[in-house]
Amino acid sequence: QVQLVESGGGLVQAGGSLRLSCAVSGINFRIFTMGWYRQAPGQQREMVAQISSGGFTNYADSVKGRFSIARDNAKNTVDLQLNSLKPEDTAVYYCKILGTTNWGQGTQVTVSS
């Protein structure tokens, strides 16, 4: 059974930082591209960052230079470092295994102005 468990969300002031983590089990983690997505109230879910099995990264324009994705294949985790947070970054953040229908349960990030 594939499981993804996100952690690390919370409430932070604008300009602050958070680190999200996603622990994955039940799948050969190292061969999959992993992604972080987010969904704000009333909006569609959008891609935030992706990291391939070889470590290549891709970011949404809105987060380039502020967010950083990293993976640890030994621990089966993928992290998202969020810096210089803005109120518009407020959303539920989800971890996903690309090429599958597997999503985590989400973790709330709230940025106050």
Protein backbone atom coordinates (compact mmCIF):
# COMPACT_ATOMS: atom_id res chain seq x y z
CA GLN A 1 0.00 0.00 0.00
CA VAL A 2 1.45 3.32 -1.09
CA GLN A 3 1.44 6.05 1.55
CA LEU A 4 2.55 9.68 1.47
CA VAL A 5 2.57 11.64 4.71
CA GLU A 6 3.24 15.37 4.67
CA SER A 7 4.35 17.40 7.66
CA GLY A 8 5.77 20.80 8.52
CA GLY A 9 2.97 23.19 7.67
CA GLY A 10 1.87 25.99 9.95
CA LEU A 11 1.26 29.68 10.41
CA VAL A 12 4.06 32.10 9.59
CA GLN A 13 4.41 35.82 9.00
CA ALA A 14 5.19 37.20 5.57
CA GLY A 15 8.90 36.96 4.90
CA GLY A 16 9.26 33.88 7.07
CA SER A 17 10.23 30.32 6.24
CA LEU A 18 8.86 26.82 6.59
CA ARG A 19 10.12 23.38 5.64
CA LEU A 20 7.67 20.75 4.46
CA SER A 21 8.50 17.08 4.40
CA CYS A 22 6.83 14.13 2.68
CA ALA A 23 7.58 10.58 3.79
CA VAL A 24 6.79 7.92 1.19
CA SER A 25 6.36 4.19 1.68
CA GLY A 26 5.14 1.19 -0.29
CA ILE A 27 6.79 2.09 -3.57
CA ASN A 28 10.26 2.09 -5.14
CA PHE A 29 10.72 5.74 -4.29
CA ARG A 30 14.03 6.34 -6.02
CA ILE A 31 12.75 5.71 -9.55
CA PHE A 32 9.88 8.20 -9.44
CA THR A 33 9.70 11.91 -10.07
CA MET A 34 8.19 13.58 -7.02
CA GLY A 35 6.22 16.79 -6.87
CA TRP A 36 4.79 19.33 -4.49
CA TYR A 37 1.48 20.95 -5.41
CA ARG A 38 -0.75 23.43 -3.65
CA GLN A 39 -4.40 24.40 -3.62
CA ALA A 40 -5.74 27.67 -2.28
CA PRO A 41 -9.43 28.09 -1.41
CA GLY A 42 -11.55 28.41 -4.54
CA GLN A 43 -8.61 27.75 -6.83
CA GLN A 44 -7.33 24.78 -8.81
CA ARG A 45 -4.46 22.69 -7.56
CA GLU A 46 -1.19 23.85 -9.09
CA MET A 47 2.30 22.49 -9.42
CA VAL A 48 4.85 24.15 -7.15
CA ALA A 49 8.01 22.09 -7.66
CA GLN A 50 9.16 18.76 -9.06
CA ILE A 51 12.30 16.70 -8.69
CA SER A 52 13.22 13.81 -10.95
CA SER A 53 14.84 10.54 -9.95
CA GLY A 54 18.13 12.03 -11.09
CA GLY A 55 17.70 15.18 -9.06
CA PHE A 56 16.64 17.56 -11.82
CA THR A 57 14.27 20.23 -10.52
CA ASN A 58 11.47 22.33 -11.96
CA TYR A 59 9.62 25.20 -10.29
CA ALA A 60 6.55 27.28 -10.88
CA ASP A 61 7.49 30.82 -11.87
CA SER A 62 5.75 32.18 -8.79
CA VAL A 63 8.13 30.38 -6.42
CA LYS A 64 11.44 30.41 -8.30
CA GLY A 65 14.24 31.73 -6.15
CA ARG A 66 12.17 31.34 -2.96
CA PHE A 67 11.34 27.63 -2.73
CA SER A 68 13.68 24.67 -2.98
CA ILE A 69 12.84 20.99 -3.43
CA ALA A 70 15.15 18.16 -2.36
CA ARG A 71 14.91 14.41 -2.01
CA ASP A 72 16.62 11.80 0.13
CA ASN A 73 16.42 8.41 -1.55
CA ALA A 74 17.87 6.68 1.51
CA LYS A 75 15.04 7.96 3.70
CA ASN A 76 12.29 7.99 1.03
CA THR A 77 11.54 11.63 1.69
CA VAL A 78 11.06 14.74 -0.40
CA ASP A 79 11.26 18.14 1.25
CA LEU A 80 10.17 21.59 0.21
CA GLN A 81 11.95 24.59 1.73
CA LEU A 82 9.76 27.69 1.60
CA ASN A 83 11.56 31.02 2.07
CA SER A 84 10.46 34.63 1.75
CA LEU A 85 6.86 33.55 2.13
CA LYS A 86 4.05 35.77 0.90
CA PRO A 87 0.36 35.80 1.84
CA GLU A 88 -0.44 34.45 -1.64
CA ASP A 89 1.52 31.29 -0.77
CA THR A 90 -1.28 30.37 1.64
CA ALA A 91 -2.67 26.99 0.57
CA VAL A 92 -2.84 23.32 1.36
CA TYR A 93 0.38 21.75 0.10
CA TYR A 94 0.33 18.21 -1.27
CA CYS A 95 3.01 15.71 -2.12
CA LYS A 96 2.56 13.55 -5.24
CA ILE A 97 4.25 10.66 -6.97
CA LEU A 98 4.21 11.64 -10.63
CA GLY A 99 2.87 9.05 -13.03
CA THR A 100 0.57 7.63 -10.36
CA THR A 101 -2.65 8.67 -8.67
CA ASN A 102 -0.99 8.73 -5.26
CA TRP A 103 -1.31 11.94 -3.23
CA GLY A 104 -0.65 12.80 0.37
CA GLN A 105 -3.32 14.17 2.68
CA GLY A 106 -1.95 17.70 2.53
CA THR A 107 -0.51 20.14 5.03
CA GLN A 108 -1.80 23.67 5.58
CA VAL A 109 0.51 26.65 5.09
CA THR A 110 -0.86 30.01 6.18
CA VAL A 111 1.11 33.22 5.67
CA SER A 112 -0.10 36.30 7.48
CA SER A 113 0.61 39.82 6.24
